[in-house]
Amino acid sequence: MKYEEITLNHLFRHQDFHEEKVSKIEIKEKISELKNSIIKKDPRIKWKNVLDEVMGTSSKLLNINLKEILEGAWKKYNEVEKYLDEDTFNTDETFLIPLVEHTVDSEHYPNIEIRIGDTYVGKIDFELRFRLVLSGIILKISQGKIQGVKAGKCKSSGIFSCEGITLFKDESSEFSF
């Protein structure tokens, strides 16, 4: 798999919502209040359609590029940081930096806003937590920037939840790049 193409959707692939999960979200106090606000604002709007749209849209929240998350973490490593100074390394020289086995933990808190026309009605909060255990990584760095990964393996685990209810769970995916 190409490193640049991996998104968090790859971690949570082949999973689908079950009606019981959506039902648990729907009875949350915040969601009940949102439902009442929508119906009060415009009684013609069907709550089931709103909730179906939110749940369908939520998978797009996983379109986060893994490259950005990993490079953000790697830039903080001492052995990488020194090669990222564009003034010092503004040459055509390329550096291959091997990294020992390491772990990257990441948390994200996206939400979906609900609006009727231009009026904000509320939002539904999501939480994404995941861990990546990487080994055999060789970073390719030139001109003070990470240009790619030459090799590596990744084991991942994570949870994607909505209003505290787990939607997707990845306990042990593995992939190489």
C-alpha atoms as a PDB file:
ATOM      1  CA  MET A   1       0.000   0.000   0.000  1.00  0.00           C
ATOM      2  CA  LYS A   2       1.371   3.444  -0.861  1.00  0.00           C
ATOM      3  CA  TYR A   3       2.160   5.457   2.226  1.00  0.00           C
ATOM      4  CA  GLU A   4       0.677   8.657   0.782  1.00  0.00           C
ATOM      5  CA  GLU A   5      -2.708   7.006   0.104  1.00  0.00           C
ATOM      6  CA  ILE A   6      -3.422   5.514   3.527  1.00  0.00           C
ATOM      7  CA  THR A   7      -6.265   7.118   5.471  1.00  0.00           C
ATOM      8  CA  LEU A   8      -7.845   6.185   8.770  1.00  0.00           C
ATOM      9  CA  ASN A   9     -10.584   4.478   6.752  1.00  0.00           C
ATOM     10  CA  HIS A  10      -8.005   1.713   6.205  1.00  0.00           C
ATOM     11  CA  LEU A  11      -7.871   1.105   9.955  1.00  0.00           C
ATOM     12  CA  PHE A  12     -11.632   0.791  10.288  1.00  0.00           C
ATOM     13  CA  ARG A  13     -12.449  -0.842   6.966  1.00  0.00           C
ATOM     14  CA  HIS A  14     -15.255  -3.337   6.419  1.00  0.00           C
ATOM     15  CA  GLN A  15     -17.240  -2.198   9.428  1.00  0.00           C
ATOM     16  CA  ASP A  16     -20.806  -1.029   9.444  1.00  0.00           C
ATOM     17  CA  PHE A  17     -23.209   0.429  11.958  1.00  0.00           C
ATOM     18  CA  HIS A  18     -25.726  -1.809  13.600  1.00  0.00           C
ATOM     19  CA  GLU A  19     -29.170  -0.458  14.303  1.00  0.00           C
ATOM     20  CA  GLU A  20     -28.641  -1.027  18.045  1.00  0.00           C
ATOM     21  CA  LYS A  21     -25.666   1.383  18.045  1.00  0.00           C
ATOM     22  CA  VAL A  22     -27.683   4.076  16.310  1.00  0.00           C
ATOM     23  CA  SER A  23     -30.521   3.481  18.807  1.00  0.00           C
ATOM     24  CA  LYS A  24     -28.100   3.960  21.723  1.00  0.00           C
ATOM     25  CA  ILE A  25     -26.914   7.255  20.240  1.00  0.00           C
ATOM     26  CA  GLU A  26     -30.460   8.390  19.645  1.00  0.00           C
ATOM     27  CA  ILE A  27     -31.463   8.060  23.309  1.00  0.00           C
ATOM     28  CA  LYS A  28     -28.580  10.207  24.543  1.00  0.00           C
ATOM     29  CA  GLU A  29     -29.931  13.368  26.185  1.00  0.00           C
ATOM     30  CA  LYS A  30     -27.979  15.690  23.895  1.00  0.00           C
ATOM     31  CA  ILE A  31     -29.268  13.902  20.784  1.00  0.00           C
ATOM     32  CA  SER A  32     -32.852  13.894  22.088  1.00  0.00           C
ATOM     33  CA  GLU A  33     -32.612  17.646  22.627  1.00  0.00           C
ATOM     34  CA  LEU A  34     -31.190  18.093  19.129  1.00  0.00           C
ATOM     35  CA  LYS A  35     -34.029  16.026  17.673  1.00  0.00           C
ATOM     36  CA  ASN A  36     -36.612  18.160  19.507  1.00  0.00           C
ATOM     37  CA  SER A  37     -34.916  21.376  18.326  1.00  0.00           C
ATOM     38  CA  ILE A  38     -35.002  20.222  14.713  1.00  0.00           C
ATOM     39  CA  ILE A  39     -38.652  19.174  14.885  1.00  0.00           C
ATOM     40  CA  LYS A  40     -39.557  22.447  16.598  1.00  0.00           C
ATOM     41  CA  LYS A  41     -37.672  24.485  13.997  1.00  0.00           C
ATOM     42  CA  ASP A  42     -39.236  22.680  11.042  1.00  0.00           C
ATOM     43  CA  PRO A  43     -41.790  19.906  11.712  1.00  0.00           C
ATOM     44  CA  ARG A  44     -41.542  18.751   8.079  1.00  0.00           C
ATOM     45  CA  ILE A  45     -38.024  17.436   8.658  1.00  0.00           C
ATOM     46  CA  LYS A  46     -37.948  13.711   9.449  1.00  0.00           C
ATOM     47  CA  TRP A  47     -35.535  12.957  12.305  1.00  0.00           C
ATOM     48  CA  LYS A  48     -34.728   9.493  10.922  1.00  0.00           C
ATOM     49  CA  ASN A  49     -33.510  11.091   7.686  1.00  0.00           C
ATOM     50  CA  VAL A  50     -31.303  13.528   9.628  1.00  0.00           C
ATOM     51  CA  LEU A  51     -29.790  10.768  11.748  1.00  0.00           C
ATOM     52  CA  ASP A  52     -29.263   8.503   8.720  1.00  0.00           C
ATOM     53  CA  GLU A  53     -27.452  11.347   6.950  1.00  0.00           C
ATOM     54  CA  VAL A  54     -25.249  12.057   9.976  1.00  0.00           C
ATOM     55  CA  MET A  55     -24.317   8.391  10.331  1.00  0.00           C
ATOM     56  CA  GLY A  56     -23.634   8.098   6.602  1.00  0.00           C
ATOM     57  CA  THR A  57     -21.501  11.228   6.639  1.00  0.00           C
ATOM     58  CA  SER A  58     -19.565  10.153   9.725  1.00  0.00           C
ATOM     59  CA  SER A  59     -17.403   7.718   7.774  1.00  0.00           C
ATOM     60  CA  LYS A  60     -16.024  10.720   5.865  1.00  0.00           C
ATOM     61  CA  LEU A  61     -14.585  11.905   9.176  1.00  0.00           C
ATOM     62  CA  LEU A  62     -12.140   8.997   8.835  1.00  0.00           C
ATOM     63  CA  ASN A  63     -10.673  10.420   5.615  1.00  0.00           C
ATOM     64  CA  ILE A  64      -7.773  11.754   7.668  1.00  0.00           C
ATOM     65  CA  ASN A  65      -4.491  11.148   5.881  1.00  0.00           C
ATOM     66  CA  LEU A  66      -2.202   8.942   7.947  1.00  0.00           C
ATOM     67  CA  LYS A  67       0.821  10.599   6.331  1.00  0.00           C
ATOM     68  CA  GLU A  68       0.053  13.930   8.036  1.00  0.00           C
ATOM     69  CA  ILE A  69      -0.384  12.324  11.454  1.00  0.00           C
ATOM     70  CA  LEU A  70       2.799  10.278  11.218  1.00  0.00           C
ATOM     71  CA  GLU A  71       4.916  13.094   9.831  1.00  0.00           C
ATOM     72  CA  GLY A  72       3.666  15.382  12.582  1.00  0.00           C
ATOM     73  CA  ALA A  73       4.820  12.834  15.151  1.00  0.00           C
ATOM     74  CA  TRP A  74       8.111  12.024  13.420  1.00  0.00           C
ATOM     75  CA  LYS A  75       9.084  15.694  13.198  1.00  0.00           C
ATOM     76  CA  LYS A  76       9.287  15.727  16.995  1.00  0.00           C
ATOM     77  CA  TYR A  77      11.878  12.930  17.110  1.00  0.00           C
ATOM     78  CA  ASN A  78      15.416  14.186  17.752  1.00  0.00           C
ATOM     79  CA  GLU A  79      16.940  11.899  15.143  1.00  0.00           C
ATOM     80  CA  VAL A  80      14.564  13.310  12.498  1.00  0.00           C
ATOM     81  CA  GLU A  81      14.235  16.918  13.643  1.00  0.00           C
ATOM     82  CA  LYS A  82      17.848  17.819  12.851  1.00  0.00           C
ATOM     83  CA  TYR A  83      17.347  16.926   9.153  1.00  0.00           C
ATOM     84  CA  LEU A  84      14.237  19.106   8.815  1.00  0.00           C
ATOM     85  CA  ASP A  85      16.051  22.446   8.913  1.00  0.00           C
ATOM     86  CA  GLU A  86      15.653  23.734   5.348  1.00  0.00           C
ATOM     87  CA  ASP A  87      18.442  26.297   5.789  1.00  0.00           C
ATOM     88  CA  THR A  88      20.970  23.646   6.816  1.00  0.00           C
ATOM     89  CA  PHE A  89      19.829  20.907   4.442  1.00  0.00           C
ATOM     90  CA  ASN A  90      18.735  22.896   1.395  1.00  0.00           C
ATOM     91  CA  THR A  91      20.660  20.657  -0.997  1.00  0.00           C
ATOM     92  CA  ASP A  92      19.746  17.867  -3.351  1.00  0.00           C
ATOM     93  CA  GLU A  93      21.203  15.379  -0.908  1.00  0.00           C
ATOM     94  CA  THR A  94      18.778  12.728   0.348  1.00  0.00           C
ATOM     95  CA  PHE A  95      18.984  11.207   3.807  1.00  0.00           C
ATOM     96  CA  LEU A  96      17.541   7.816   4.735  1.00  0.00           C
ATOM     97  CA  ILE A  97      16.775   7.787   8.452  1.00  0.00           C
ATOM     98  CA  PRO A  98      15.917   4.428  10.045  1.00  0.00           C
ATOM     99  CA  LEU A  99      13.581   4.560  13.037  1.00  0.00           C
ATOM    100  CA  VAL A 100      13.440   1.898  15.722  1.00  0.00           C
ATOM    101  CA  GLU A 101      10.103   0.343  16.659  1.00  0.00           C
ATOM    102  CA  HIS A 102       7.944   3.126  18.038  1.00  0.00           C
ATOM    103  CA  THR A 103       4.367   3.944  18.931  1.00  0.00           C
ATOM    104  CA  VAL A 104       2.225   6.852  17.796  1.00  0.00           C
ATOM    105  CA  ASP A 105      -0.956   7.600  19.762  1.00  0.00           C
ATOM    106  CA  SER A 106      -3.427  10.050  18.274  1.00  0.00           C
ATOM    107  CA  GLU A 107      -6.800  11.493  19.265  1.00  0.00           C
ATOM    108  CA  HIS A 108      -9.217  13.505  17.155  1.00  0.00           C
ATOM    109  CA  TYR A 109     -12.543  15.094  18.064  1.00  0.00           C
ATOM    110  CA  PRO A 110     -14.475  15.877  14.873  1.00  0.00           C
ATOM    111  CA  ASN A 111     -18.135  16.845  14.830  1.00  0.00           C
ATOM    112  CA  ILE A 112     -20.975  17.279  12.402  1.00  0.00           C
ATOM    113  CA  GLU A 113     -22.930  20.514  12.657  1.00  0.00           C
ATOM    114  CA  ILE A 114     -26.655  20.447  12.002  1.00  0.00           C
ATOM    115  CA  ARG A 115     -28.085  23.527  10.296  1.00  0.00           C
ATOM    116  CA  ILE A 116     -31.481  24.338   8.942  1.00  0.00           C
ATOM    117  CA  GLY A 117     -30.845  26.894   6.264  1.00  0.00           C
ATOM    118  CA  ASP A 118     -28.378  29.353   7.791  1.00  0.00           C
ATOM    119  CA  THR A 119     -29.456  28.570  11.350  1.00  0.00           C
ATOM    120  CA  TYR A 120     -27.183  26.476  13.553  1.00  0.00           C
ATOM    121  CA  VAL A 121     -29.266  23.899  15.434  1.00  0.00           C
ATOM    122  CA  GLY A 122     -26.577  21.823  17.128  1.00  0.00           C
ATOM    123  CA  LYS A 123     -23.780  19.353  16.583  1.00  0.00           C
ATOM    124  CA  ILE A 124     -23.042  15.691  17.044  1.00  0.00           C
ATOM    125  CA  ASP A 125     -19.620  14.901  18.498  1.00  0.00           C
ATOM    126  CA  PHE A 126     -17.354  12.063  17.507  1.00  0.00           C
ATOM    127  CA  GLU A 127     -14.148  10.776  19.037  1.00  0.00           C
ATOM    128  CA  LEU A 128     -11.368   8.930  17.272  1.00  0.00           C
ATOM    129  CA  ARG A 129      -8.523   7.346  19.249  1.00  0.00           C
ATOM    130  CA  PHE A 130      -5.934   5.075  17.748  1.00  0.00           C
ATOM    131  CA  ARG A 131      -2.487   3.637  18.290  1.00  0.00           C
ATOM    132  CA  LEU A 132       0.062   2.719  15.659  1.00  0.00           C
ATOM    133  CA  VAL A 133       3.043   0.514  16.429  1.00  0.00           C
ATOM    134  CA  LEU A 134       5.556   0.984  13.629  1.00  0.00           C
ATOM    135  CA  SER A 135       8.697  -0.978  12.837  1.00  0.00           C
ATOM    136  CA  GLY A 136      11.244  -1.078  10.044  1.00  0.00           C
ATOM    137  CA  ILE A 137      10.517   2.514   9.076  1.00  0.00           C
ATOM    138  CA  ILE A 138      13.057   4.290   6.901  1.00  0.00           C
ATOM    139  CA  LEU A 139      12.264   7.948   6.299  1.00  0.00           C
ATOM    140  CA  LYS A 140      13.411   9.612   3.117  1.00  0.00           C
ATOM    141  CA  ILE A 141      14.301  13.250   3.846  1.00  0.00           C
ATOM    142  CA  SER A 142      15.567  15.857   1.383  1.00  0.00           C
ATOM    143  CA  GLN A 143      15.582  19.637   1.304  1.00  0.00           C
ATOM    144  CA  GLY A 144      14.485  19.739   4.927  1.00  0.00           C
ATOM    145  CA  LYS A 145      11.268  17.774   4.325  1.00  0.00           C
ATOM    146  CA  ILE A 146      10.066  14.214   4.775  1.00  0.00           C
ATOM    147  CA  GLN A 147       9.640  13.015   1.204  1.00  0.00           C
ATOM    148  CA  GLY A 148       8.337   9.541   1.974  1.00  0.00           C
ATOM    149  CA  VAL A 149       8.792   6.212   3.653  1.00  0.00           C
ATOM    150  CA  LYS A 150      10.984   3.565   2.057  1.00  0.00           C
ATOM    151  CA  ALA A 151       9.793   0.605   4.128  1.00  0.00           C
ATOM    152  CA  GLY A 152       7.882  -0.271   7.221  1.00  0.00           C
ATOM    153  CA  LYS A 153       5.202  -2.254   8.950  1.00  0.00           C
ATOM    154  CA  CYS A 154       2.375  -0.984  11.060  1.00  0.00           C
ATOM    155  CA  LYS A 155       0.055  -2.573  13.600  1.00  0.00           C
ATOM    156  CA  SER A 156      -2.945  -0.477  14.490  1.00  0.00           C
ATOM    157  CA  SER A 157      -5.745  -0.408  17.001  1.00  0.00           C
ATOM    158  CA  GLY A 158      -8.402   2.189  17.625  1.00  0.00           C
ATOM    159  CA  ILE A 159     -11.928   3.235  18.454  1.00  0.00           C
ATOM    160  CA  PHE A 160     -14.302   5.554  16.593  1.00  0.00           C
ATOM    161  CA  SER A 161     -17.277   6.644  18.681  1.00  0.00           C
ATOM    162  CA  CYS A 162     -20.246   8.983  18.500  1.00  0.00           C
ATOM    163  CA  GLU A 163     -21.440  10.670  21.676  1.00  0.00           C
ATOM    164  CA  GLY A 164     -19.649   7.990  23.713  1.00  0.00           C
ATOM    165  CA  ILE A 165     -21.072   5.015  21.793  1.00  0.00           C
ATOM    166  CA  THR A 166     -18.465   2.912  19.958  1.00  0.00           C
ATOM    167  CA  LEU A 167     -19.245   2.729  16.247  1.00  0.00           C
ATOM    168  CA  PHE A 168     -16.110   1.067  14.908  1.00  0.00           C
ATOM    169  CA  LYS A 169     -13.337  -0.772  16.654  1.00  0.00           C
ATOM    170  CA  ASP A 170     -10.030  -1.898  15.207  1.00  0.00           C
ATOM    171  CA  GLU A 171      -8.193  -4.252  17.509  1.00  0.00           C
ATOM    172  CA  SER A 172      -5.265  -5.387  15.404  1.00  0.00           C
ATOM    173  CA  SER A 173      -4.929  -4.430  11.764  1.00  0.00           C
ATOM    174  CA  GLU A 174      -1.553  -4.853  10.127  1.00  0.00           C
ATOM    175  CA  PHE A 175      -0.249  -3.349   6.927  1.00  0.00           C
ATOM    176  CA  SER A 176       3.030  -2.557   5.220  1.00  0.00           C
ATOM    177  CA  PHE A 177       4.165   0.405   3.194  1.00  0.00           C
END
